[in-house]
Amino acid sequence: MSTIVLKFNPSGIGECLYTELIDLSSIGSLEIHRASIIEFNRENQEWEVRDRNKVLVFTNKSRAVCLAWEQQHFNH
């Protein structure tokens, strides 16, 4: 299991990758935004990770590798 990083800014707003390991709603109302999109590129035959601005940031033939990369990259 990887470590979940929950950061709070000076105004008290928390930010993290969403997880159901912690009941985040117990500390307040949630506002959720996607950190990335993982989709299969049929032409390249690879999975692609794109950030919220749709910029390609990682590719791999394995979706599991892309999910692990996403967790490590965006969980800081």
PDB file of N, CA and C in Angstrom:
ATOM      1  N   MET A   1       0.850  -1.176   0.000  1.00  0.00           N
ATOM      2  CA  MET A   1       0.000   0.000   0.000  1.00  0.00           C
ATOM      3  C   MET A   1       0.891   1.234   0.000  1.00  0.00           C
ATOM      4  N   SER A   2       0.558   2.199  -0.827  1.00  0.00           N
ATOM      5  CA  SER A   2       1.351   3.419  -0.869  1.00  0.00           C
ATOM      6  C   SER A   2       0.818   4.438   0.131  1.00  0.00           C
ATOM      7  N   THR A   3       1.683   5.346   0.510  1.00  0.00           N
ATOM      8  CA  THR A   3       1.329   6.391   1.459  1.00  0.00           C
ATOM      9  C   THR A   3       0.441   7.423   0.785  1.00  0.00           C
ATOM     10  N   ILE A   4      -0.575   7.874   1.486  1.00  0.00           N
ATOM     11  CA  ILE A   4      -1.446   8.932   0.994  1.00  0.00           C
ATOM     12  C   ILE A   4      -0.961  10.253   1.579  1.00  0.00           C
ATOM     13  N   VAL A   5      -0.735  11.238   0.729  1.00  0.00           N
ATOM     14  CA  VAL A   5      -0.272  12.546   1.167  1.00  0.00           C
ATOM     15  C   VAL A   5      -1.459  13.501   1.138  1.00  0.00           C
ATOM     16  N   LEU A   6      -1.784  14.067   2.285  1.00  0.00           N
ATOM     17  CA  LEU A   6      -2.865  15.044   2.415  1.00  0.00           C
ATOM     18  C   LEU A   6      -2.234  16.348   2.852  1.00  0.00           C
ATOM     19  N   LYS A   7      -2.290  17.372   1.959  1.00  0.00           N
ATOM     20  CA  LYS A   7      -1.669  18.674   2.231  1.00  0.00           C
ATOM     21  C   LYS A   7      -2.758  19.703   2.498  1.00  0.00           C
ATOM     22  N   PHE A   8      -2.479  20.626   3.405  1.00  0.00           N
ATOM     23  CA  PHE A   8      -3.387  21.737   3.691  1.00  0.00           C
ATOM     24  C   PHE A   8      -2.669  23.042   3.419  1.00  0.00           C
ATOM     25  N   ASN A   9      -3.350  23.961   2.709  1.00  0.00           N
ATOM     26  CA  ASN A   9      -2.754  25.276   2.497  1.00  0.00           C
ATOM     27  C   ASN A   9      -3.070  26.167   3.698  1.00  0.00           C
ATOM     28  N   PRO A  10      -2.498  27.353   3.782  1.00  0.00           N
ATOM     29  CA  PRO A  10      -2.707  28.224   4.950  1.00  0.00           C
ATOM     30  C   PRO A  10      -4.174  28.568   5.232  1.00  0.00           C
ATOM     31  N   SER A  11      -5.021  28.537   4.213  1.00  0.00           N
ATOM     32  CA  SER A  11      -6.438  28.847   4.444  1.00  0.00           C
ATOM     33  C   SER A  11      -7.232  27.617   4.902  1.00  0.00           C
ATOM     34  N   GLY A  12      -6.558  26.473   5.038  1.00  0.00           N
ATOM     35  CA  GLY A  12      -7.212  25.281   5.550  1.00  0.00           C
ATOM     36  C   GLY A  12      -7.777  24.349   4.498  1.00  0.00           C
ATOM     37  N   ILE A  13      -7.558  24.634   3.231  1.00  0.00           N
ATOM     38  CA  ILE A  13      -8.041  23.778   2.147  1.00  0.00           C
ATOM     39  C   ILE A  13      -7.080  22.607   1.998  1.00  0.00           C
ATOM     40  N   GLY A  14      -7.625  21.400   2.023  1.00  0.00           N
ATOM     41  CA  GLY A  14      -6.811  20.198   1.871  1.00  0.00           C
ATOM     42  C   GLY A  14      -6.791  19.744   0.426  1.00  0.00           C
ATOM     43  N   GLU A  15      -5.711  19.034   0.052  1.00  0.00           N
ATOM     44  CA  GLU A  15      -5.563  18.543  -1.308  1.00  0.00           C
ATOM     45  C   GLU A  15      -4.851  17.199  -1.266  1.00  0.00           C
ATOM     46  N   CYS A  16      -5.373  16.242  -2.035  1.00  0.00           N
ATOM     47  CA  CYS A  16      -4.740  14.930  -2.128  1.00  0.00           C
ATOM     48  C   CYS A  16      -5.331  14.175  -3.304  1.00  0.00           C
ATOM     49  N   LEU A  17      -4.717  13.047  -3.638  1.00  0.00           N
ATOM     50  CA  LEU A  17      -5.363  12.138  -4.566  1.00  0.00           C
ATOM     51  C   LEU A  17      -6.490  11.461  -3.806  1.00  0.00           C
ATOM     52  N   TYR A  18      -7.647  11.370  -4.425  1.00  0.00           N
ATOM     53  CA  TYR A  18      -8.801  10.790  -3.739  1.00  0.00           C
ATOM     54  C   TYR A  18      -8.533   9.329  -3.400  1.00  0.00           C
ATOM     55  N   THR A  19      -8.939   8.955  -2.225  1.00  0.00           N
ATOM     56  CA  THR A  19      -8.850   7.574  -1.785  1.00  0.00           C
ATOM     57  C   THR A  19     -10.037   7.267  -0.888  1.00  0.00           C
ATOM     58  N   GLU A  20     -10.461   6.040  -0.897  1.00  0.00           N
ATOM     59  CA  GLU A  20     -11.519   5.630   0.020  1.00  0.00           C
ATOM     60  C   GLU A  20     -10.931   5.008   1.286  1.00  0.00           C
ATOM     61  N   LEU A  21      -9.590   5.048   1.415  1.00  0.00           N
ATOM     62  CA  LEU A  21      -8.938   4.553   2.630  1.00  0.00           C
ATOM     63  C   LEU A  21      -9.199   5.480   3.802  1.00  0.00           C
ATOM     64  N   ILE A  22      -9.486   6.753   3.495  1.00  0.00           N
ATOM     65  CA  ILE A  22      -9.796   7.757   4.509  1.00  0.00           C
ATOM     66  C   ILE A  22     -11.171   8.316   4.163  1.00  0.00           C
ATOM     67  N   ASP A  23     -12.047   8.478   5.154  1.00  0.00           N
ATOM     68  CA  ASP A  23     -13.342   9.099   4.904  1.00  0.00           C
ATOM     69  C   ASP A  23     -13.135  10.610   4.868  1.00  0.00           C
ATOM     70  N   LEU A  24     -12.774  11.110   3.692  1.00  0.00           N
ATOM     71  CA  LEU A  24     -12.457  12.533   3.549  1.00  0.00           C
ATOM     72  C   LEU A  24     -13.650  13.426   3.854  1.00  0.00           C
ATOM     73  N   SER A  25     -14.861  12.937   3.658  1.00  0.00           N
ATOM     74  CA  SER A  25     -16.047  13.753   3.928  1.00  0.00           C
ATOM     75  C   SER A  25     -16.215  14.023   5.419  1.00  0.00           C
ATOM     76  N   SER A  26     -15.520  13.265   6.257  1.00  0.00           N
ATOM     77  CA  SER A  26     -15.633  13.484   7.702  1.00  0.00           C
ATOM     78  C   SER A  26     -14.930  14.768   8.149  1.00  0.00           C
ATOM     79  N   ILE A  27     -14.091  15.340   7.284  1.00  0.00           N
ATOM     80  CA  ILE A  27     -13.405  16.586   7.652  1.00  0.00           C
ATOM     81  C   ILE A  27     -13.978  17.798   6.912  1.00  0.00           C
ATOM     82  N   GLY A  28     -15.011  17.597   6.115  1.00  0.00           N
ATOM     83  CA  GLY A  28     -15.638  18.722   5.422  1.00  0.00           C
ATOM     84  C   GLY A  28     -16.194  18.322   4.072  1.00  0.00           C
ATOM     85  N   SER A  29     -16.797  19.277   3.388  1.00  0.00           N
ATOM     86  CA  SER A  29     -17.363  18.994   2.075  1.00  0.00           C
ATOM     87  C   SER A  29     -16.238  18.814   1.062  1.00  0.00           C
ATOM     88  N   LEU A  30     -16.502  17.994   0.068  1.00  0.00           N
ATOM     89  CA  LEU A  30     -15.489  17.656  -0.928  1.00  0.00           C
ATOM     90  C   LEU A  30     -15.710  18.416  -2.222  1.00  0.00           C
ATOM     91  N   GLU A  31     -14.631  18.788  -2.867  1.00  0.00           N
ATOM     92  CA  GLU A  31     -14.645  19.303  -4.225  1.00  0.00           C
ATOM     93  C   GLU A  31     -13.596  18.494  -4.964  1.00  0.00           C
ATOM     94  N   ILE A  32     -14.029  17.713  -5.937  1.00  0.00           N
ATOM     95  CA  ILE A  32     -13.139  16.748  -6.574  1.00  0.00           C
ATOM     96  C   ILE A  32     -12.894  17.132  -8.025  1.00  0.00           C
ATOM     97  N   HIS A  33     -11.610  17.128  -8.414  1.00  0.00           N
ATOM     98  CA  HIS A  33     -11.182  17.385  -9.789  1.00  0.00           C
ATOM     99  C   HIS A  33     -10.241  16.265 -10.198  1.00  0.00           C
ATOM    100  N   ARG A  34     -10.320  15.836 -11.436  1.00  0.00           N
ATOM    101  CA  ARG A  34      -9.414  14.798 -11.923  1.00  0.00           C
ATOM    102  C   ARG A  34      -7.997  15.350 -12.029  1.00  0.00           C
ATOM    103  N   ALA A  35      -7.035  14.590 -11.567  1.00  0.00           N
ATOM    104  CA  ALA A  35      -5.625  14.967 -11.696  1.00  0.00           C
ATOM    105  C   ALA A  35      -5.108  14.581 -13.079  1.00  0.00           C
ATOM    106  N   SER A  36      -5.674  13.504 -13.634  1.00  0.00           N
ATOM    107  CA  SER A  36      -5.223  13.033 -14.941  1.00  0.00           C
ATOM    108  C   SER A  36      -6.309  12.173 -15.578  1.00  0.00           C
ATOM    109  N   ILE A  37      -6.062  11.849 -16.836  1.00  0.00           N
ATOM    110  CA  ILE A  37      -6.944  10.964 -17.596  1.00  0.00           C
ATOM    111  C   ILE A  37      -6.068   9.857 -18.163  1.00  0.00           C
ATOM    112  N   ILE A  38      -6.492   8.615 -17.986  1.00  0.00           N
ATOM    113  CA  ILE A  38      -5.748   7.489 -18.544  1.00  0.00           C
ATOM    114  C   ILE A  38      -6.649   6.823 -19.579  1.00  0.00           C
ATOM    115  N   GLU A  39      -6.181   6.834 -20.832  1.00  0.00           N
ATOM    116  CA  GLU A  39      -6.959   6.254 -21.924  1.00  0.00           C
ATOM    117  C   GLU A  39      -6.042   5.456 -22.838  1.00  0.00           C
ATOM    118  N   PHE A  40      -6.631   4.465 -23.525  1.00  0.00           N
ATOM    119  CA  PHE A  40      -5.875   3.636 -24.452  1.00  0.00           C
ATOM    120  C   PHE A  40      -5.816   4.313 -25.811  1.00  0.00           C
ATOM    121  N   ASN A  41      -4.617   4.411 -26.374  1.00  0.00           N
ATOM    122  CA  ASN A  41      -4.424   4.961 -27.712  1.00  0.00           C
ATOM    123  C   ASN A  41      -4.345   3.780 -28.672  1.00  0.00           C
ATOM    124  N   ARG A  42      -5.400   3.584 -29.436  1.00  0.00           N
ATOM    125  CA  ARG A  42      -5.480   2.438 -30.343  1.00  0.00           C
ATOM    126  C   ARG A  42      -4.385   2.486 -31.408  1.00  0.00           C
ATOM    127  N   GLU A  43      -4.085   3.689 -31.897  1.00  0.00           N
ATOM    128  CA  GLU A  43      -3.073   3.835 -32.950  1.00  0.00           C
ATOM    129  C   GLU A  43      -1.687   3.414 -32.463  1.00  0.00           C
ATOM    130  N   ASN A  44      -1.307   3.853 -31.264  1.00  0.00           N
ATOM    131  CA  ASN A  44       0.015   3.532 -30.706  1.00  0.00           C
ATOM    132  C   ASN A  44       0.026   2.237 -29.914  1.00  0.00           C
ATOM    133  N   GLN A  45      -1.177   1.705 -29.608  1.00  0.00           N
ATOM    134  CA  GLN A  45      -1.306   0.490 -28.807  1.00  0.00           C
ATOM    135  C   GLN A  45      -0.645   0.642 -27.442  1.00  0.00           C
ATOM    136  N   GLU A  46      -0.860   1.818 -26.839  1.00  0.00           N
ATOM    137  CA  GLU A  46      -0.340   2.107 -25.503  1.00  0.00           C
ATOM    138  C   GLU A  46      -1.378   2.878 -24.704  1.00  0.00           C
ATOM    139  N   TRP A  47      -1.249   2.777 -23.397  1.00  0.00           N
ATOM    140  CA  TRP A  47      -2.053   3.597 -22.497  1.00  0.00           C
ATOM    141  C   TRP A  47      -1.362   4.933 -22.341  1.00  0.00           C
ATOM    142  N   GLU A  48      -2.137   6.004 -22.303  1.00  0.00           N
ATOM    143  CA  GLU A  48      -1.592   7.345 -22.160  1.00  0.00           C
ATOM    144  C   GLU A  48      -2.144   8.016 -20.913  1.00  0.00           C
ATOM    145  N   VAL A  49      -1.255   8.697 -20.188  1.00  0.00           N
ATOM    146  CA  VAL A  49      -1.660   9.501 -19.037  1.00  0.00           C
ATOM    147  C   VAL A  49      -1.556  10.957 -19.468  1.00  0.00           C
ATOM    148  N   ARG A  50      -2.652  11.685 -19.337  1.00  0.00           N
ATOM    149  CA  ARG A  50      -2.674  13.104 -19.664  1.00  0.00           C
ATOM    150  C   ARG A  50      -3.058  13.876 -18.410  1.00  0.00           C
ATOM    151  N   ASP A  51      -2.418  15.037 -18.218  1.00  0.00           N
ATOM    152  CA  ASP A  51      -2.755  15.857 -17.057  1.00  0.00           C
ATOM    153  C   ASP A  51      -4.073  16.580 -17.297  1.00  0.00           C
ATOM    154  N   ARG A  52      -4.509  17.371 -16.328  1.00  0.00           N
ATOM    155  CA  ARG A  52      -5.825  18.025 -16.444  1.00  0.00           C
ATOM    156  C   ARG A  52      -5.894  19.005 -17.603  1.00  0.00           C
ATOM    157  N   ASN A  53      -4.732  19.414 -18.149  1.00  0.00           N
ATOM    158  CA  ASN A  53      -4.700  20.282 -19.331  1.00  0.00           C
ATOM    159  C   ASN A  53      -4.594  19.481 -20.628  1.00  0.00           C
ATOM    160  N   LYS A  54      -4.739  18.163 -20.504  1.00  0.00           N
ATOM    161  CA  LYS A  54      -4.694  17.215 -21.628  1.00  0.00           C
ATOM    162  C   LYS A  54      -3.313  17.070 -22.253  1.00  0.00           C
ATOM    163  N   VAL A  55      -2.264  17.461 -21.494  1.00  0.00           N
ATOM    164  CA  VAL A  55      -0.884  17.298 -21.954  1.00  0.00           C
ATOM    165  C   VAL A  55      -0.448  15.863 -21.656  1.00  0.00           C
ATOM    166  N   LEU A  56       0.112  15.195 -22.654  1.00  0.00           N
ATOM    167  CA  LEU A  56       0.597  13.829 -22.483  1.00  0.00           C
ATOM    168  C   LEU A  56       1.798  13.837 -21.545  1.00  0.00           C
ATOM    169  N   VAL A  57       1.720  13.071 -20.443  1.00  0.00           N
ATOM    170  CA  VAL A  57       2.803  13.077 -19.460  1.00  0.00           C
ATOM    171  C   VAL A  57       3.462  11.712 -19.267  1.00  0.00           C
ATOM    172  N   PHE A  58       2.800  10.629 -19.766  1.00  0.00           N
ATOM    173  CA  PHE A  58       3.385   9.300 -19.585  1.00  0.00           C
ATOM    174  C   PHE A  58       2.648   8.317 -20.484  1.00  0.00           C
ATOM    175  N   THR A  59       3.350   7.310 -21.001  1.00  0.00           N
ATOM    176  CA  THR A  59       2.728   6.231 -21.773  1.00  0.00           C
ATOM    177  C   THR A  59       3.355   4.904 -21.381  1.00  0.00           C
ATOM    178  N   ASN A  60       2.577   3.844 -21.555  1.00  0.00           N
ATOM    179  CA  ASN A  60       3.081   2.496 -21.319  1.00  0.00           C
ATOM    180  C   ASN A  60       2.083   1.504 -21.902  1.00  0.00           C
ATOM    181  N   LYS A  61       2.552   0.339 -22.252  1.00  0.00           N
ATOM    182  CA  LYS A  61       1.657  -0.692 -22.787  1.00  0.00           C
ATOM    183  C   LYS A  61       0.779  -1.295 -21.691  1.00  0.00           C
ATOM    184  N   SER A  62       1.153  -1.077 -20.438  1.00  0.00           N
ATOM    185  CA  SER A  62       0.405  -1.620 -19.305  1.00  0.00           C
ATOM    186  C   SER A  62      -0.405  -0.523 -18.610  1.00  0.00           C
ATOM    187  N   ARG A  63      -1.701  -0.757 -18.468  1.00  0.00           N
ATOM    188  CA  ARG A  63      -2.543   0.197 -17.741  1.00  0.00           C
ATOM    189  C   ARG A  63      -2.142   0.233 -16.267  1.00  0.00           C
ATOM    190  N   ALA A  64      -1.782  -0.935 -15.715  1.00  0.00           N
ATOM    191  CA  ALA A  64      -1.379  -0.995 -14.308  1.00  0.00           C
ATOM    192  C   ALA A  64      -0.142  -0.136 -14.056  1.00  0.00           C
ATOM    193  N   VAL A  65       0.802  -0.142 -14.986  1.00  0.00           N
ATOM    194  CA  VAL A  65       2.000   0.695 -14.854  1.00  0.00           C
ATOM    195  C   VAL A  65       1.605   2.168 -14.896  1.00  0.00           C
ATOM    196  N   CYS A  66       0.667   2.521 -15.770  1.00  0.00           N
ATOM    197  CA  CYS A  66       0.202   3.914 -15.849  1.00  0.00           C
ATOM    198  C   CYS A  66      -0.494   4.335 -14.556  1.00  0.00           C
ATOM    199  N   LEU A  67      -1.308   3.453 -13.983  1.00  0.00           N
ATOM    200  CA  LEU A  67      -1.983   3.764 -12.726  1.00  0.00           C
ATOM    201  C   LEU A  67      -0.971   3.958 -11.597  1.00  0.00           C
ATOM    202  N   ALA A  68       0.055   3.096 -11.547  1.00  0.00           N
ATOM    203  CA  ALA A  68       1.093   3.220 -10.519  1.00  0.00           C
ATOM    204  C   ALA A  68       1.882   4.515 -10.718  1.00  0.00           C
ATOM    205  N   TRP A  69       2.187   4.849 -11.975  1.00  0.00           N
ATOM    206  CA  TRP A  69       2.901   6.096 -12.259  1.00  0.00           C
ATOM    207  C   TRP A  69       2.068   7.288 -11.816  1.00  0.00           C
ATOM    208  N   GLU A  70       0.775   7.268 -12.138  1.00  0.00           N
ATOM    209  CA  GLU A  70      -0.130   8.349 -11.748  1.00  0.00           C
ATOM    210  C   GLU A  70      -0.139   8.539 -10.235  1.00  0.00           C
ATOM    211  N   GLN A  71      -0.230   7.442  -9.510  1.00  0.00           N
ATOM    212  CA  GLN A  71      -0.253   7.502  -8.041  1.00  0.00           C
ATOM    213  C   GLN A  71       1.028   8.122  -7.500  1.00  0.00           C
ATOM    214  N   GLN A  72       2.173   7.697  -8.043  1.00  0.00           N
ATOM    215  CA  GLN A  72       3.450   8.214  -7.547  1.00  0.00           C
ATOM    216  C   GLN A  72       3.648   9.676  -7.973  1.00  0.00           C
ATOM    217  N   HIS A  73       3.292  10.013  -9.196  1.00  0.00           N
ATOM    218  CA  HIS A  73       3.541  11.356  -9.731  1.00  0.00           C
ATOM    219  C   HIS A  73       2.659  12.415  -9.084  1.00  0.00           C
ATOM    220  N   PHE A  74       1.383  12.109  -8.881  1.00  0.00           N
ATOM    221  CA  PHE A  74       0.447  13.118  -8.385  1.00  0.00           C
ATOM    222  C   PHE A  74       0.263  13.073  -6.870  1.00  0.00           C
ATOM    223  N   ASN A  75       0.828  12.107  -6.196  1.00  0.00           N
ATOM    224  CA  ASN A  75       0.681  11.975  -4.744  1.00  0.00           C
ATOM    225  C   ASN A  75       1.931  12.516  -4.048  1.00  0.00           C
ATOM    226  N   HIS A  76       2.068  13.811  -4.063  1.00  0.00           N
ATOM    227  CA  HIS A  76       3.250  14.431  -3.424  1.00  0.00           C
ATOM    228  C   HIS A  76       2.853  15.681  -2.703  1.00  0.00           C
TER     229      HIS A  76
END
